[in-house]
Amino acid sequence: MCRTKRRNTALWITTAAVVVLAAVGLYLFQPWKLFTTDRVDEAPPAAAGQQAGAVEQVANGAFVSHEHETSGAVEVQRLADGKATLRLTNLRTSDGPALHVWLSDQPVKKDGGGNLDDGKHIDLGSLKGNEGNQNYAIPAGTDLNTFSTVTIWCERFSVSFGAAELKQRA
């Protein structure tokens, strides 16, 4: 009888450990996000109440894929009042946990984006959607010659889904 009791106790402990590990794994990896799409279509800053023609494109670039297939374009627009906005257009990437839009001082490497958190970065906020067009305010005083890379950064796993080099317009 004692042997059966020990076996039952061991079975309950093992089952509890598996359930806890599964719950933690689901929380961390959120595998269902591989199959979800969150589309955002924000109007360009000029259409959001600014005067027409008062927007100047100061830099642009195109995404390259890193950990997940990522495509689309990036553009920095300076408004008449001097504020700068990062605009993502035709963005397509995977959904994922804790995705943020960063400006980084590290160069874009086509074979991986593990370097993009090595230096300094500016977090522009959580990614609003994994598809579509969206705007992010760039803090006043940000030097785009220093922070010349845009990345969709997964903070949970410290990986870049994709990144774009900002090329200054002449």
C-alpha atoms as a PDB file:
ATOM      1  CA  MET A   1       0.000   0.000   0.000  1.00  0.00           C
ATOM      2  CA  CYS A   2       2.828   2.370   0.803  1.00  0.00           C
ATOM      3  CA  ARG A   3       4.383   1.773  -2.638  1.00  0.00           C
ATOM      4  CA  THR A   4       1.080   2.705  -4.370  1.00  0.00           C
ATOM      5  CA  LYS A   5       0.815   5.877  -2.296  1.00  0.00           C
ATOM      6  CA  ARG A   6       4.362   6.908  -3.292  1.00  0.00           C
ATOM      7  CA  ARG A   7       3.600   6.179  -6.945  1.00  0.00           C
ATOM      8  CA  ASN A   8       0.423   8.285  -6.808  1.00  0.00           C
ATOM      9  CA  THR A   9       2.277  11.131  -5.096  1.00  0.00           C
ATOM     10  CA  ALA A  10       5.040  11.014  -7.692  1.00  0.00           C
ATOM     11  CA  LEU A  11       2.437  11.001 -10.475  1.00  0.00           C
ATOM     12  CA  TRP A  12       0.689  14.075  -9.020  1.00  0.00           C
ATOM     13  CA  ILE A  13       3.987  15.949  -8.597  1.00  0.00           C
ATOM     14  CA  THR A  14       5.042  15.097 -12.152  1.00  0.00           C
ATOM     15  CA  THR A  15       1.656  16.146 -13.545  1.00  0.00           C
ATOM     16  CA  ALA A  16       1.749  19.434 -11.617  1.00  0.00           C
ATOM     17  CA  ALA A  17       5.291  20.165 -12.846  1.00  0.00           C
ATOM     18  CA  VAL A  18       4.289  19.480 -16.486  1.00  0.00           C
ATOM     19  CA  VAL A  19       1.249  21.770 -16.164  1.00  0.00           C
ATOM     20  CA  VAL A  20       3.346  24.584 -14.653  1.00  0.00           C
ATOM     21  CA  LEU A  21       6.051  24.212 -17.329  1.00  0.00           C
ATOM     22  CA  ALA A  22       3.434  24.187 -20.092  1.00  0.00           C
ATOM     23  CA  ALA A  23       1.804  27.344 -18.689  1.00  0.00           C
ATOM     24  CA  VAL A  24       5.160  29.141 -18.445  1.00  0.00           C
ATOM     25  CA  GLY A  25       6.092  28.015 -21.965  1.00  0.00           C
ATOM     26  CA  LEU A  26       2.789  29.249 -23.395  1.00  0.00           C
ATOM     27  CA  TYR A  27       3.189  32.585 -21.606  1.00  0.00           C
ATOM     28  CA  LEU A  28       6.746  33.109 -22.857  1.00  0.00           C
ATOM     29  CA  PHE A  29       6.444  31.868 -26.427  1.00  0.00           C
ATOM     30  CA  GLN A  30       2.784  32.709 -27.185  1.00  0.00           C
ATOM     31  CA  PRO A  31       2.785  30.315 -30.174  1.00  0.00           C
ATOM     32  CA  TRP A  32      -0.709  31.371 -31.287  1.00  0.00           C
ATOM     33  CA  LYS A  33       0.782  34.709 -32.382  1.00  0.00           C
ATOM     34  CA  LEU A  34       2.407  32.914 -35.313  1.00  0.00           C
ATOM     35  CA  PHE A  35      -1.098  32.584 -36.741  1.00  0.00           C
ATOM     36  CA  THR A  36      -2.581  35.986 -35.861  1.00  0.00           C
ATOM     37  CA  THR A  37      -2.555  39.246 -37.782  1.00  0.00           C
ATOM     38  CA  ASP A  38      -3.133  42.689 -36.337  1.00  0.00           C
ATOM     39  CA  ARG A  39      -3.565  45.200 -39.172  1.00  0.00           C
ATOM     40  CA  VAL A  40      -3.166  48.944 -38.528  1.00  0.00           C
ATOM     41  CA  ASP A  41      -3.744  51.632 -41.161  1.00  0.00           C
ATOM     42  CA  GLU A  42      -2.945  55.056 -39.729  1.00  0.00           C
ATOM     43  CA  ALA A  43      -3.071  58.109 -41.958  1.00  0.00           C
ATOM     44  CA  PRO A  44       0.226  59.869 -42.732  1.00  0.00           C
ATOM     45  CA  PRO A  45       1.069  62.726 -40.344  1.00  0.00           C
ATOM     46  CA  ALA A  46       0.110  65.338 -42.986  1.00  0.00           C
ATOM     47  CA  ALA A  47      -3.401  63.886 -43.160  1.00  0.00           C
ATOM     48  CA  ALA A  48      -3.727  63.800 -39.384  1.00  0.00           C
ATOM     49  CA  GLY A  49      -4.437  67.516 -39.006  1.00  0.00           C
ATOM     50  CA  GLN A  50      -1.226  69.071 -40.329  1.00  0.00           C
ATOM     51  CA  GLN A  51      -1.154  71.467 -43.281  1.00  0.00           C
ATOM     52  CA  ALA A  52      -0.805  69.857 -46.690  1.00  0.00           C
ATOM     53  CA  GLY A  53       2.703  70.171 -48.090  1.00  0.00           C
ATOM     54  CA  ALA A  54       4.162  70.894 -44.669  1.00  0.00           C
ATOM     55  CA  VAL A  55       5.818  67.490 -44.370  1.00  0.00           C
ATOM     56  CA  GLU A  56       9.413  66.898 -45.430  1.00  0.00           C
ATOM     57  CA  GLN A  57      10.856  63.422 -45.871  1.00  0.00           C
ATOM     58  CA  VAL A  58      14.312  63.479 -44.264  1.00  0.00           C
ATOM     59  CA  ALA A  59      15.276  59.779 -44.368  1.00  0.00           C
ATOM     60  CA  ASN A  60      13.968  56.476 -45.666  1.00  0.00           C
ATOM     61  CA  GLY A  61      14.809  52.807 -45.949  1.00  0.00           C
ATOM     62  CA  ALA A  62      13.468  49.292 -46.503  1.00  0.00           C
ATOM     63  CA  PHE A  63      13.232  46.382 -44.088  1.00  0.00           C
ATOM     64  CA  VAL A  64      15.420  43.291 -44.336  1.00  0.00           C
ATOM     65  CA  SER A  65      14.338  40.117 -42.556  1.00  0.00           C
ATOM     66  CA  HIS A  66      16.087  38.765 -39.489  1.00  0.00           C
ATOM     67  CA  GLU A  67      14.387  36.230 -37.178  1.00  0.00           C
ATOM     68  CA  HIS A  68      11.045  36.473 -39.020  1.00  0.00           C
ATOM     69  CA  GLU A  69      10.133  37.387 -42.597  1.00  0.00           C
ATOM     70  CA  THR A  70       9.735  41.181 -42.530  1.00  0.00           C
ATOM     71  CA  SER A  71       9.071  43.617 -45.364  1.00  0.00           C
ATOM     72  CA  GLY A  72       7.949  47.195 -45.827  1.00  0.00           C
ATOM     73  CA  ALA A  73       9.379  50.678 -45.900  1.00  0.00           C
ATOM     74  CA  VAL A  74      10.339  53.241 -43.268  1.00  0.00           C
ATOM     75  CA  GLU A  75      10.370  56.983 -43.600  1.00  0.00           C
ATOM     76  CA  VAL A  76      11.223  59.829 -41.258  1.00  0.00           C
ATOM     77  CA  GLN A  77       8.977  62.815 -41.820  1.00  0.00           C
ATOM     78  CA  ARG A  78       9.602  66.253 -40.333  1.00  0.00           C
ATOM     79  CA  LEU A  79       6.487  68.334 -39.818  1.00  0.00           C
ATOM     80  CA  ALA A  80       6.248  72.109 -40.151  1.00  0.00           C
ATOM     81  CA  ASP A  81       6.337  72.457 -36.353  1.00  0.00           C
ATOM     82  CA  GLY A  82       9.714  70.651 -36.259  1.00  0.00           C
ATOM     83  CA  LYS A  83       8.416  67.385 -34.812  1.00  0.00           C
ATOM     84  CA  ALA A  84       9.639  64.184 -36.443  1.00  0.00           C
ATOM     85  CA  THR A  85       7.616  61.044 -37.096  1.00  0.00           C
ATOM     86  CA  LEU A  86       8.759  57.568 -38.086  1.00  0.00           C
ATOM     87  CA  ARG A  87       6.294  56.107 -40.578  1.00  0.00           C
ATOM     88  CA  LEU A  88       6.165  52.387 -41.382  1.00  0.00           C
ATOM     89  CA  THR A  89       4.392  51.627 -44.666  1.00  0.00           C
ATOM     90  CA  ASN A  90       3.252  48.292 -46.069  1.00  0.00           C
ATOM     91  CA  LEU A  91       4.742  46.562 -43.030  1.00  0.00           C
ATOM     92  CA  ARG A  92       4.417  42.768 -42.964  1.00  0.00           C
ATOM     93  CA  THR A  93       5.999  40.720 -40.207  1.00  0.00           C
ATOM     94  CA  SER A  94       5.028  37.993 -37.771  1.00  0.00           C
ATOM     95  CA  ASP A  95       3.094  38.849 -34.664  1.00  0.00           C
ATOM     96  CA  GLY A  96       5.006  38.133 -31.502  1.00  0.00           C
ATOM     97  CA  PRO A  97       5.282  38.828 -27.800  1.00  0.00           C
ATOM     98  CA  ALA A  98       6.643  42.185 -26.613  1.00  0.00           C
ATOM     99  CA  LEU A  99       7.408  43.676 -30.052  1.00  0.00           C
ATOM    100  CA  HIS A 100       8.724  47.239 -30.022  1.00  0.00           C
ATOM    101  CA  VAL A 101       9.908  49.756 -32.608  1.00  0.00           C
ATOM    102  CA  TRP A 102      13.455  50.873 -31.868  1.00  0.00           C
ATOM    103  CA  LEU A 103      15.897  53.330 -33.314  1.00  0.00           C
ATOM    104  CA  SER A 104      19.383  51.849 -32.851  1.00  0.00           C
ATOM    105  CA  ASP A 105      22.906  53.171 -33.276  1.00  0.00           C
ATOM    106  CA  GLN A 106      24.082  49.780 -34.591  1.00  0.00           C
ATOM    107  CA  PRO A 107      24.370  48.961 -38.328  1.00  0.00           C
ATOM    108  CA  VAL A 108      21.911  46.660 -40.082  1.00  0.00           C
ATOM    109  CA  LYS A 109      23.431  43.261 -40.787  1.00  0.00           C
ATOM    110  CA  LYS A 110      21.640  41.168 -43.371  1.00  0.00           C
ATOM    111  CA  ASP A 111      22.624  37.867 -41.718  1.00  0.00           C
ATOM    112  CA  GLY A 112      21.030  38.631 -38.362  1.00  0.00           C
ATOM    113  CA  GLY A 113      20.061  41.422 -36.040  1.00  0.00           C
ATOM    114  CA  GLY A 114      21.498  40.238 -32.753  1.00  0.00           C
ATOM    115  CA  ASN A 115      23.768  43.276 -32.652  1.00  0.00           C
ATOM    116  CA  LEU A 116      21.009  45.881 -32.555  1.00  0.00           C
ATOM    117  CA  ASP A 117      20.879  45.977 -28.753  1.00  0.00           C
ATOM    118  CA  ASP A 118      24.663  46.136 -28.349  1.00  0.00           C
ATOM    119  CA  GLY A 119      24.858  49.917 -28.323  1.00  0.00           C
ATOM    120  CA  LYS A 120      22.279  52.565 -27.581  1.00  0.00           C
ATOM    121  CA  HIS A 121      18.679  52.519 -28.691  1.00  0.00           C
ATOM    122  CA  ILE A 122      15.525  54.606 -28.405  1.00  0.00           C
ATOM    123  CA  ASP A 123      12.272  52.731 -27.827  1.00  0.00           C
ATOM    124  CA  LEU A 124       9.506  54.414 -29.843  1.00  0.00           C
ATOM    125  CA  GLY A 125       6.858  52.173 -28.297  1.00  0.00           C
ATOM    126  CA  SER A 126       5.078  48.893 -28.788  1.00  0.00           C
ATOM    127  CA  LEU A 127       4.469  47.778 -32.364  1.00  0.00           C
ATOM    128  CA  LYS A 128       0.864  48.777 -33.077  1.00  0.00           C
ATOM    129  CA  GLY A 129       0.238  45.975 -35.552  1.00  0.00           C
ATOM    130  CA  ASN A 130       2.242  43.440 -37.520  1.00  0.00           C
ATOM    131  CA  GLU A 131       0.768  44.619 -40.835  1.00  0.00           C
ATOM    132  CA  GLY A 132      -0.107  47.956 -42.358  1.00  0.00           C
ATOM    133  CA  ASN A 133       0.879  51.600 -42.027  1.00  0.00           C
ATOM    134  CA  GLN A 134       1.695  53.250 -38.720  1.00  0.00           C
ATOM    135  CA  ASN A 135       3.314  56.336 -37.194  1.00  0.00           C
ATOM    136  CA  TYR A 136       5.648  56.715 -34.208  1.00  0.00           C
ATOM    137  CA  ALA A 137       6.741  60.022 -32.675  1.00  0.00           C
ATOM    138  CA  ILE A 138      10.507  60.503 -32.575  1.00  0.00           C
ATOM    139  CA  PRO A 139      11.660  62.295 -29.410  1.00  0.00           C
ATOM    140  CA  ALA A 140      12.834  65.885 -29.914  1.00  0.00           C
ATOM    141  CA  GLY A 141      16.597  66.170 -30.251  1.00  0.00           C
ATOM    142  CA  THR A 142      17.115  62.643 -31.637  1.00  0.00           C
ATOM    143  CA  ASP A 143      20.190  62.609 -33.878  1.00  0.00           C
ATOM    144  CA  LEU A 144      19.267  60.506 -36.915  1.00  0.00           C
ATOM    145  CA  ASN A 145      22.917  60.396 -37.963  1.00  0.00           C
ATOM    146  CA  THR A 146      23.582  58.432 -34.759  1.00  0.00           C
ATOM    147  CA  PHE A 147      20.324  56.454 -34.540  1.00  0.00           C
ATOM    148  CA  SER A 148      20.200  55.395 -38.167  1.00  0.00           C
ATOM    149  CA  THR A 149      18.615  51.936 -37.852  1.00  0.00           C
ATOM    150  CA  VAL A 150      14.962  51.023 -37.300  1.00  0.00           C
ATOM    151  CA  THR A 151      14.213  47.579 -35.917  1.00  0.00           C
ATOM    152  CA  ILE A 152      11.147  45.601 -34.940  1.00  0.00           C
ATOM    153  CA  TRP A 153      12.600  44.267 -31.695  1.00  0.00           C
ATOM    154  CA  CYS A 154      11.256  41.376 -29.628  1.00  0.00           C
ATOM    155  CA  GLU A 155      12.143  42.342 -26.074  1.00  0.00           C
ATOM    156  CA  ARG A 156      11.142  38.980 -24.651  1.00  0.00           C
ATOM    157  CA  PHE A 157      13.763  37.061 -26.682  1.00  0.00           C
ATOM    158  CA  SER A 158      16.209  39.894 -27.540  1.00  0.00           C
ATOM    159  CA  VAL A 159      15.965  39.385 -31.305  1.00  0.00           C
ATOM    160  CA  SER A 160      15.249  41.577 -34.292  1.00  0.00           C
ATOM    161  CA  PHE A 161      12.349  40.458 -36.472  1.00  0.00           C
ATOM    162  CA  GLY A 162      13.598  42.838 -39.187  1.00  0.00           C
ATOM    163  CA  ALA A 163      15.474  46.105 -39.554  1.00  0.00           C
ATOM    164  CA  ALA A 164      15.962  48.995 -41.959  1.00  0.00           C
ATOM    165  CA  GLU A 165      18.852  51.386 -42.445  1.00  0.00           C
ATOM    166  CA  LEU A 166      17.744  55.006 -42.597  1.00  0.00           C
ATOM    167  CA  LYS A 167      19.326  56.811 -45.544  1.00  0.00           C
ATOM    168  CA  GLN A 168      19.412  60.578 -45.194  1.00  0.00           C
ATOM    169  CA  ARG A 169      17.883  62.575 -48.032  1.00  0.00           C
ATOM    170  CA  ALA A 170      20.080  65.257 -49.534  1.00  0.00           C
END
